[in-house]
């Protein structure tokens, strides 16, 4: 690994069928142990119930308000600064309960690939 700076290119944001917009911030062989994506959920929207196989995911809420369902924790309220730790194979979904876009980082170890995503609906 070597030192580097990755610049955000907003044009690379895409809609993921899970129900949110994703901007990959870092998911390359240059940093093989982690992936970082910015997720954006529109007000009133809920992502699909899903889980990741073999990947631990962390949500870091940057802005907005949310309700999250993770495993057997029940419905939890979230706001900026909160961190959610989601073990491998733990079901999850998040709802934007606010009036502005919900923005959070999704940090995955090992890095996220589409083949680890399992739709639970």
C-alpha atoms as a PDB file:
ATOM      1  CA  UNK A   1       0.000   0.000   0.000  1.00  0.00           C
ATOM      2  CA  UNK A   2       1.148   3.559  -0.626  1.00  0.00           C
ATOM      3  CA  UNK A   3      -0.046   7.012   0.409  1.00  0.00           C
ATOM      4  CA  UNK A   4      -2.717   8.455  -1.846  1.00  0.00           C
ATOM      5  CA  UNK A   5      -5.549  10.944  -2.049  1.00  0.00           C
ATOM      6  CA  UNK A   6      -8.804  10.037  -3.754  1.00  0.00           C
ATOM      7  CA  UNK A   7     -10.910  12.939  -5.028  1.00  0.00           C
ATOM      8  CA  UNK A   8     -14.698  12.624  -5.033  1.00  0.00           C
ATOM      9  CA  UNK A   9     -16.400  12.744  -8.418  1.00  0.00           C
ATOM     10  CA  UNK A  10     -20.116  13.355  -7.800  1.00  0.00           C
ATOM     11  CA  UNK A  11     -20.857  12.259 -11.388  1.00  0.00           C
ATOM     12  CA  UNK A  12     -20.012   8.690 -10.358  1.00  0.00           C
ATOM     13  CA  UNK A  13     -22.967   8.438  -7.957  1.00  0.00           C
ATOM     14  CA  UNK A  14     -25.412   5.730  -9.080  1.00  0.00           C
ATOM     15  CA  UNK A  15     -28.753   4.345  -7.968  1.00  0.00           C
ATOM     16  CA  UNK A  16     -28.474   0.911  -6.349  1.00  0.00           C
ATOM     17  CA  UNK A  17     -31.587  -1.287  -6.592  1.00  0.00           C
ATOM     18  CA  UNK A  18     -31.514  -1.658  -2.798  1.00  0.00           C
ATOM     19  CA  UNK A  19     -33.171   1.778  -2.666  1.00  0.00           C
ATOM     20  CA  UNK A  20     -30.351   4.274  -2.271  1.00  0.00           C
ATOM     21  CA  UNK A  21     -27.760   6.233  -4.201  1.00  0.00           C
ATOM     22  CA  UNK A  22     -24.137   5.113  -3.861  1.00  0.00           C
ATOM     23  CA  UNK A  23     -20.875   6.922  -4.478  1.00  0.00           C
ATOM     24  CA  UNK A  24     -17.869   4.625  -4.144  1.00  0.00           C
ATOM     25  CA  UNK A  25     -15.171   6.577  -2.314  1.00  0.00           C
ATOM     26  CA  UNK A  26     -12.594   3.803  -2.033  1.00  0.00           C
ATOM     27  CA  UNK A  27     -12.932   0.242  -3.282  1.00  0.00           C
ATOM     28  CA  UNK A  28      -9.752  -0.689  -5.126  1.00  0.00           C
ATOM     29  CA  UNK A  29      -6.831  -3.088  -5.010  1.00  0.00           C
ATOM     30  CA  UNK A  30      -4.721  -0.168  -3.781  1.00  0.00           C
ATOM     31  CA  UNK A  31      -6.507  -0.478  -0.396  1.00  0.00           C
ATOM     32  CA  UNK A  32      -7.489  -4.165  -0.339  1.00  0.00           C
ATOM     33  CA  UNK A  33      -8.793  -4.461   3.222  1.00  0.00           C
ATOM     34  CA  UNK A  34     -11.688  -2.006   3.245  1.00  0.00           C
ATOM     35  CA  UNK A  35     -14.237  -0.280   1.047  1.00  0.00           C
ATOM     36  CA  UNK A  36     -15.865   3.065   1.748  1.00  0.00           C
ATOM     37  CA  UNK A  37     -19.004   4.301   0.025  1.00  0.00           C
ATOM     38  CA  UNK A  38     -21.245   7.281   0.576  1.00  0.00           C
ATOM     39  CA  UNK A  39     -24.898   6.292   0.657  1.00  0.00           C
ATOM     40  CA  UNK A  40     -27.785   8.701   0.132  1.00  0.00           C
ATOM     41  CA  UNK A  41     -31.416   7.875   0.912  1.00  0.00           C
ATOM     42  CA  UNK A  42     -34.242  10.225  -0.086  1.00  0.00           C
ATOM     43  CA  UNK A  43     -36.771  11.371   2.562  1.00  0.00           C
ATOM     44  CA  UNK A  44     -39.414   8.733   3.311  1.00  0.00           C
ATOM     45  CA  UNK A  45     -37.526   5.962   1.510  1.00  0.00           C
ATOM     46  CA  UNK A  46     -36.504   2.611   3.043  1.00  0.00           C
ATOM     47  CA  UNK A  47     -33.794   0.362   1.687  1.00  0.00           C
ATOM     48  CA  UNK A  48     -34.593  -3.291   1.020  1.00  0.00           C
ATOM     49  CA  UNK A  49     -34.114  -5.773   3.839  1.00  0.00           C
ATOM     50  CA  UNK A  50     -30.765  -7.390   3.069  1.00  0.00           C
ATOM     51  CA  UNK A  51     -27.592  -8.842   4.515  1.00  0.00           C
ATOM     52  CA  UNK A  52     -23.959  -9.153   3.483  1.00  0.00           C
ATOM     53  CA  UNK A  53     -22.240 -12.528   3.384  1.00  0.00           C
ATOM     54  CA  UNK A  54     -18.723 -12.554   4.816  1.00  0.00           C
ATOM     55  CA  UNK A  55     -18.574  -8.758   5.225  1.00  0.00           C
ATOM     56  CA  UNK A  56     -18.808  -6.572   8.327  1.00  0.00           C
ATOM     57  CA  UNK A  57     -20.408  -3.215   7.546  1.00  0.00           C
ATOM     58  CA  UNK A  58     -20.422   0.001   9.519  1.00  0.00           C
ATOM     59  CA  UNK A  59     -22.758   2.929   8.907  1.00  0.00           C
ATOM     60  CA  UNK A  60     -21.458   6.335   9.968  1.00  0.00           C
ATOM     61  CA  UNK A  61     -24.333   8.824   9.829  1.00  0.00           C
ATOM     62  CA  UNK A  62     -23.124  12.146   8.405  1.00  0.00           C
ATOM     63  CA  UNK A  63     -26.416  14.045   8.098  1.00  0.00           C
ATOM     64  CA  UNK A  64     -30.132  13.512   8.333  1.00  0.00           C
ATOM     65  CA  UNK A  65     -32.333  11.377  10.546  1.00  0.00           C
ATOM     66  CA  UNK A  66     -32.976   7.668  10.208  1.00  0.00           C
ATOM     67  CA  UNK A  67     -34.556   4.582  11.660  1.00  0.00           C
ATOM     68  CA  UNK A  68     -32.501   1.428  11.295  1.00  0.00           C
ATOM     69  CA  UNK A  69     -33.366  -2.228  11.772  1.00  0.00           C
ATOM     70  CA  UNK A  70     -30.322  -4.410  12.422  1.00  0.00           C
ATOM     71  CA  UNK A  71     -30.661  -8.036  13.447  1.00  0.00           C
ATOM     72  CA  UNK A  72     -32.650  -8.377  16.656  1.00  0.00           C
ATOM     73  CA  UNK A  73     -31.946  -4.867  17.996  1.00  0.00           C
ATOM     74  CA  UNK A  74     -35.388  -3.606  17.015  1.00  0.00           C
ATOM     75  CA  UNK A  75     -36.047  -0.214  15.470  1.00  0.00           C
ATOM     76  CA  UNK A  76     -33.371   2.323  16.436  1.00  0.00           C
ATOM     77  CA  UNK A  77     -33.338   6.103  15.878  1.00  0.00           C
ATOM     78  CA  UNK A  78     -30.197   7.582  14.317  1.00  0.00           C
ATOM     79  CA  UNK A  79     -28.793  11.051  13.716  1.00  0.00           C
ATOM     80  CA  UNK A  80     -25.490  12.616  12.669  1.00  0.00           C
ATOM     81  CA  UNK A  81     -22.501  11.084  14.413  1.00  0.00           C
ATOM     82  CA  UNK A  82     -24.100   7.734  15.187  1.00  0.00           C
ATOM     83  CA  UNK A  83     -22.323   4.526  14.143  1.00  0.00           C
ATOM     84  CA  UNK A  84     -24.047   1.218  13.393  1.00  0.00           C
ATOM     85  CA  UNK A  85     -21.970  -1.983  13.374  1.00  0.00           C
ATOM     86  CA  UNK A  86     -23.486  -4.755  11.272  1.00  0.00           C
ATOM     87  CA  UNK A  87     -21.943  -8.246  11.479  1.00  0.00           C
ATOM     88  CA  UNK A  88     -21.815 -10.589   8.500  1.00  0.00           C
ATOM     89  CA  UNK A  89     -25.198 -12.231   7.709  1.00  0.00           C
ATOM     90  CA  UNK A  90     -27.077  -9.762   9.946  1.00  0.00           C
ATOM     91  CA  UNK A  91     -30.278  -8.491   8.338  1.00  0.00           C
ATOM     92  CA  UNK A  92     -30.513  -4.743   7.924  1.00  0.00           C
ATOM     93  CA  UNK A  93     -32.464  -1.887   6.391  1.00  0.00           C
ATOM     94  CA  UNK A  94     -32.537   1.846   6.949  1.00  0.00           C
ATOM     95  CA  UNK A  95     -35.320   4.416   6.554  1.00  0.00           C
ATOM     96  CA  UNK A  96     -34.860   8.123   6.048  1.00  0.00           C
ATOM     97  CA  UNK A  97     -37.209   9.497   8.700  1.00  0.00           C
ATOM     98  CA  UNK A  98     -36.247  13.128   8.127  1.00  0.00           C
ATOM     99  CA  UNK A  99     -37.062  15.854   5.618  1.00  0.00           C
ATOM    100  CA  UNK A 100     -33.625  16.058   3.985  1.00  0.00           C
ATOM    101  CA  UNK A 101     -31.477  13.431   2.309  1.00  0.00           C
ATOM    102  CA  UNK A 102     -29.952  10.913   4.720  1.00  0.00           C
ATOM    103  CA  UNK A 103     -26.205  10.736   4.083  1.00  0.00           C
ATOM    104  CA  UNK A 104     -23.960   8.084   5.607  1.00  0.00           C
ATOM    105  CA  UNK A 105     -20.735   6.225   4.991  1.00  0.00           C
ATOM    106  CA  UNK A 106     -20.845   2.464   4.503  1.00  0.00           C
ATOM    107  CA  UNK A 107     -17.470   1.055   5.520  1.00  0.00           C
ATOM    108  CA  UNK A 108     -16.980  -2.641   4.741  1.00  0.00           C
ATOM    109  CA  UNK A 109     -14.335  -5.197   5.674  1.00  0.00           C
ATOM    110  CA  UNK A 110     -13.433  -7.016   3.590  1.00  0.00           C
ATOM    111  CA  UNK A 111     -14.416  -4.707   0.714  1.00  0.00           C
ATOM    112  CA  UNK A 112     -17.970  -4.791  -0.627  1.00  0.00           C
ATOM    113  CA  UNK A 113     -18.609  -6.617  -3.895  1.00  0.00           C
ATOM    114  CA  UNK A 114     -22.073  -7.154  -5.370  1.00  0.00           C
ATOM    115  CA  UNK A 115     -21.825 -10.937  -4.944  1.00  0.00           C
ATOM    116  CA  UNK A 116     -21.890 -10.608  -1.104  1.00  0.00           C
ATOM    117  CA  UNK A 117     -25.266  -8.794  -1.181  1.00  0.00           C
ATOM    118  CA  UNK A 118     -28.283 -10.964  -0.329  1.00  0.00           C
ATOM    119  CA  UNK A 119     -31.786  -9.523  -0.817  1.00  0.00           C
ATOM    120  CA  UNK A 120     -33.987 -10.792   2.037  1.00  0.00           C
ATOM    121  CA  UNK A 121     -37.323  -9.566   0.629  1.00  0.00           C
END
